[in-house]
Amino acid sequence: MDPRRLLPILAGITLLTVLGTAALVALRPEPLETAPPVVAPALAGPRAVLADWDERRARAWASGDVDGLRSLYVDGSRSGRADARMLSSYVDRGLTVRGLRTQVLTIQVLDVSAARVEVRVTDRVSGAEAVDGATAIPLPADRPSTRRVLLRLVGDEWLVDEVREVS
C-alpha cells in the first residue's frame, strides 16, 4: 500500500483516539473529597496530644512567630517564657528555624484526666537548621533528654503548663 494513502487513515485514528480520551476524562465523575476524621482534643491519647503540640511549636519556630509560640503555653508558664525568649533571640538576628522535629524515644504517662496530661518523656530534637534568607545552617543534633511535661486543656486546645528536666 502506498504510504501517502496510509497517512490520512493514521491521522484520523489518532484524532479519534484523542477526542475519545478527552470525552472520557470530561465525563468521568469527580471523586468525592473526604476530610480526615477529627479527633476531639480531650479524647486523643497522651502521645498524640504531645505530637500535635510539638508540630504546632515547630510551625511557630519556622515562621518566627513569637506570639504564636507563647499561645502554646498556659498563661504565666515559665517554660513558655523561656521558649519565647529563645525564639525572640533568633528572630532578632533575622533567623528562623525550620525542620525542627522532636523524636520521642520513650513516653510514660504519669497522670491523665479530661483536662490534664502529665508525661515523662525522653526525646531529642533533630533536623533543624537556622535560616537567614537563602542561607541555611544545620543546627547540631540534640542529645536525648528526659523531662516531665504537664499539659492542660484550655478551651479546645492542649497547652503546655510546665516542662521540668529529670535527672
Foldseek 3Di string as FASTA:
>chain_A
DDVVVVVVVVVVVVVVVVVVVVVCVVPDDDDDDDDPDDDQLLPDDPVVQVQVLQVQCQVCQQVLPLVSQLVQADPPAPVSVVSSVVSVVLVVVQKGKHQWDKAWPDKDWDDGDSFKTKIKTWIWIDDIWIDRPPDTHHDDTGDIFIWIWMWGCDPRHIHTRYIGGDD
